[in-house]
Structures are given as structure tokens and as C-alpha cells.
Amino acid sequence: MKLLIISDTHARPLPTELWAVVDAVDVVVHAGDWVTTDLLDDLEAVASRVIGCWGNNDGPELRERLPEVARAELDGVRLAVVHETGGAQGREQRCARAYPDVDVLVFGHSHIPWDSTAPNGLRLLNPGSPTDRRRQPTFTWMTAEIIDGKLGAVDLHHKEPS
């Protein structure tokens, strides 16, 4: 099972090359701060499956359609998606306590890519942003694969600003 992991798109269009990835994956995961429903509508129209949550910049219309924490089991991998996890210091321990029944936690908010593993085995992933890099040198997103009930390769992709 192939995943595209994005976050913090902030009502900006996805890079053209990302739409080919949307077509090639089984699941698109979005960790909030959509800002408008446009991208959600577009992804739901073309993606095989969309799993997403709302973020701090998302208003009532998105909060009606999306949960604060999205949860799914994907080929045996227990996934949760949330926008905010708090500061970087102590994140692994804090998230391991908050999500003891999860294998992978996808989060956003900071626009800073993150890939770590908590002591209990919880994998934490933040894809950064494909549309709003803020202070990061590149726009970023992740792809991942689930194989035999386990999270396999996770790749961080970069796009240079034009």
C-alpha cells in the first residue's frame, strides 16, 4: 500500500508533479491546515482514499467534514493524523503517552519535516509543506509504503522554490 503524506497546504495549489503522485498512491494523508475545502474536494474527487484532520487555521466548514484526530488501520498499521503535537522537545514521549494504540502518527503545523521513533516504537512523521515552506529551504512532502503489515520506506521529497 502506497501513501502520500502532506500537510499545511494553506489554500495554495499543489505542485503539478504531486498530482501524478496522488494518482499513483492508495491513500493520501493530510495533517491539517487546508484553510479552504477546495483541495479536500479535489482530492476526494480523484484520490483512491483521503485521510485527513483539521488544523488550527481551518474553519467550521472543514471542522464539520474532518475530525481533530483521524484514525485508520491500513493493512494492519494503526495510523493517527493530528495537526499539532506541541514543541519538539519531548515530542516522542508526549505522543507515545497520548497515542498508545497507534503505530504511526502523522502531524503538521510546524512546516518542518520530522521523522522519528518514540521509545515504544511509535513512528512520528511530519511532511512539512508542499505549498508553504516558510523558513524551510524547500517545499516538502513524504511518500511511504506499507508492506506485510508494517511501515516500510518513508521518503522525504523536496521541491526547490521557483
Protein backbone atom coordinates (compact mmCIF):
# COMPACT_ATOMS: atom_id res chain seq x y z
CA MET A 1 0.00 0.00 0.00
CA LYS A 2 1.44 3.36 -1.04
CA LEU A 3 0.84 6.64 0.81
CA LEU A 4 1.28 10.32 0.01
CA ILE A 5 1.69 12.37 3.20
CA ILE A 6 1.13 16.14 3.10
CA SER A 7 0.19 18.94 5.46
CA ASP A 8 -0.19 22.70 5.75
CA THR A 9 -1.25 23.42 2.19
CA HIS A 10 -2.90 26.70 3.27
CA ALA A 11 -5.30 27.05 0.31
CA ARG A 12 -2.44 27.02 -2.21
CA PRO A 13 -2.49 24.70 -5.22
CA LEU A 14 -0.43 21.53 -5.04
CA PRO A 15 2.65 21.42 -7.28
CA THR A 16 1.79 19.83 -10.61
CA GLU A 17 4.09 16.84 -10.04
CA LEU A 18 2.21 15.97 -6.86
CA TRP A 19 -0.98 15.23 -8.77
CA ALA A 20 0.81 12.35 -10.51
CA VAL A 21 1.70 11.01 -7.06
CA VAL A 22 -1.94 11.35 -5.96
CA ASP A 23 -2.89 9.17 -8.93
CA ALA A 24 -0.21 6.58 -8.08
CA VAL A 25 -0.88 6.04 -4.37
CA ASP A 26 -3.57 4.17 -2.49
CA VAL A 27 -4.05 6.75 0.27
CA VAL A 28 -3.49 10.49 0.60
CA VAL A 29 -2.90 11.60 4.20
CA HIS A 30 -3.27 15.33 5.04
CA ALA A 31 -2.42 16.62 8.51
CA GLY A 32 -4.48 19.80 8.51
CA ASP A 33 -4.36 23.50 7.70
CA TRP A 34 -6.19 23.12 4.42
CA VAL A 35 -7.76 26.61 5.03
CA THR A 36 -10.46 26.06 2.37
CA THR A 37 -12.35 22.97 1.22
CA ASP A 38 -11.09 23.29 -2.38
CA LEU A 39 -8.17 20.85 -2.07
CA LEU A 40 -10.21 18.42 0.04
CA ASP A 41 -12.88 18.40 -2.66
CA ASP A 42 -10.29 17.95 -5.42
CA LEU A 43 -8.50 15.13 -3.61
CA GLU A 44 -11.74 13.34 -2.75
CA ALA A 45 -12.70 13.52 -6.44
CA VAL A 46 -9.52 11.84 -7.71
CA ALA A 47 -7.70 10.03 -4.90
CA SER A 48 -8.47 6.42 -4.04
CA ARG A 49 -8.76 7.38 -0.37
CA VAL A 50 -8.19 10.55 1.67
CA ILE A 51 -7.49 10.52 5.40
CA GLY A 52 -7.25 13.96 6.97
CA CYS A 53 -7.82 16.10 10.01
CA TRP A 54 -8.44 19.79 10.56
CA GLY A 55 -5.79 22.24 11.70
CA ASN A 56 -5.72 25.47 13.66
CA ASN A 57 -6.31 27.56 10.51
CA ASP A 58 -9.32 25.52 9.39
CA GLY A 59 -12.77 26.97 9.92
CA PRO A 60 -16.21 25.50 10.59
CA GLU A 61 -16.75 24.01 7.12
CA LEU A 62 -13.60 21.86 7.34
CA ARG A 63 -14.21 21.03 11.00
CA GLU A 64 -17.65 19.70 10.07
CA ARG A 65 -16.12 17.37 7.47
CA LEU A 66 -12.91 16.29 9.20
CA PRO A 67 -12.04 15.10 12.71
CA GLU A 68 -9.49 16.70 15.01
CA VAL A 69 -7.71 13.33 15.06
CA ALA A 70 -8.24 10.98 12.13
CA ARG A 71 -7.63 7.28 12.72
CA ALA A 72 -7.42 4.37 10.32
CA GLU A 73 -5.98 0.90 10.08
CA LEU A 74 -4.12 0.44 6.82
CA ASP A 75 -3.10 -3.14 6.07
CA GLY A 76 -2.52 -3.76 9.77
CA VAL A 77 -0.77 -0.44 10.51
CA ARG A 78 -2.64 1.70 13.04
CA LEU A 79 -2.44 5.32 11.86
CA ALA A 80 -3.47 8.56 13.54
CA VAL A 81 -3.35 12.00 11.94
CA VAL A 82 -3.39 15.19 14.02
CA HIS A 83 -2.33 18.74 13.24
CA GLU A 84 -0.48 19.79 16.38
CA THR A 85 1.72 17.83 18.77
CA GLY A 86 3.34 20.68 20.73
CA GLY A 87 7.01 21.62 20.84
CA ALA A 88 9.84 19.47 19.52
CA GLN A 89 11.38 18.88 22.94
CA GLY A 90 9.85 15.76 24.47
CA ARG A 91 7.63 15.11 21.43
CA GLU A 92 8.31 11.37 21.22
CA GLN A 93 7.47 10.70 24.87
CA ARG A 94 4.45 13.03 24.86
CA CYS A 95 2.99 11.45 21.70
CA ALA A 96 3.71 7.91 22.91
CA ARG A 97 1.60 8.67 26.01
CA ALA A 98 -1.17 10.38 24.01
CA TYR A 99 -1.36 7.72 21.27
CA PRO A 100 -0.51 4.38 22.94
CA ASP A 101 -2.65 2.40 20.47
CA VAL A 102 -1.04 3.79 17.30
CA ASP A 103 1.88 2.60 15.15
CA VAL A 104 2.29 5.79 13.08
CA LEU A 105 1.38 9.37 13.98
CA VAL A 106 1.31 11.92 11.15
CA PHE A 107 1.28 15.55 12.22
CA GLY A 108 1.83 19.02 10.78
CA HIS A 109 1.69 22.62 11.98
CA SER A 110 5.40 23.46 12.09
CA HIS A 111 6.07 23.17 8.32
CA ILE A 112 9.30 21.44 9.41
CA PRO A 113 9.82 17.84 8.24
CA TRP A 114 10.19 15.34 11.08
CA ASP A 115 10.78 11.59 11.15
CA SER A 116 11.50 9.94 14.48
CA THR A 117 10.56 6.92 16.55
CA ALA A 118 9.42 7.04 20.17
CA PRO A 119 10.83 4.53 22.69
CA ASN A 120 7.62 2.48 22.44
CA GLY A 121 8.02 2.15 18.64
CA LEU A 122 5.57 4.90 17.63
CA ARG A 123 6.78 6.43 14.36
CA LEU A 124 6.23 10.21 14.12
CA LEU A 125 6.08 11.82 10.69
CA ASN A 126 5.68 15.46 9.68
CA PRO A 127 5.91 16.01 5.92
CA GLY A 128 6.48 19.76 6.12
CA SER A 129 4.50 21.57 3.42
CA PRO A 130 4.38 21.18 -0.37
CA THR A 131 2.98 24.71 -0.78
CA ASP A 132 4.12 26.91 2.13
CA ARG A 133 7.76 26.29 3.03
CA ARG A 134 8.01 29.21 5.48
CA ARG A 135 11.61 29.24 6.71
CA GLN A 136 12.49 25.89 5.13
CA PRO A 137 14.78 25.86 2.07
CA THR A 138 12.41 23.67 0.03
CA PHE A 139 8.79 22.61 -0.26
CA THR A 140 8.39 19.08 1.11
CA TRP A 141 6.12 16.04 1.28
CA MET A 142 6.54 12.37 2.10
CA THR A 143 5.72 9.11 0.44
CA ALA A 144 5.58 5.85 2.35
CA GLU A 145 4.79 2.23 1.81
CA ILE A 146 3.11 -0.34 4.00
CA ILE A 147 4.36 -3.87 3.38
CA ASP A 148 3.26 -7.00 5.21
CA GLY A 149 1.53 -5.03 7.97
CA LYS A 150 4.50 -2.75 8.68
CA LEU A 151 5.52 0.73 7.65
CA GLY A 152 8.31 0.33 5.11
CA ALA A 153 10.32 3.01 3.40
CA VAL A 154 9.42 6.63 4.15
CA ASP A 155 10.86 9.15 1.69
CA LEU A 156 11.02 12.91 2.13
CA HIS A 157 10.71 14.74 -1.19
CA HIS A 158 11.95 18.27 -1.86
CA LYS A 159 10.93 20.86 -4.43
CA GLU A 160 13.09 23.91 -4.92
CA PRO A 161 11.29 27.27 -4.89
CA SER A 162 10.91 28.81 -8.36
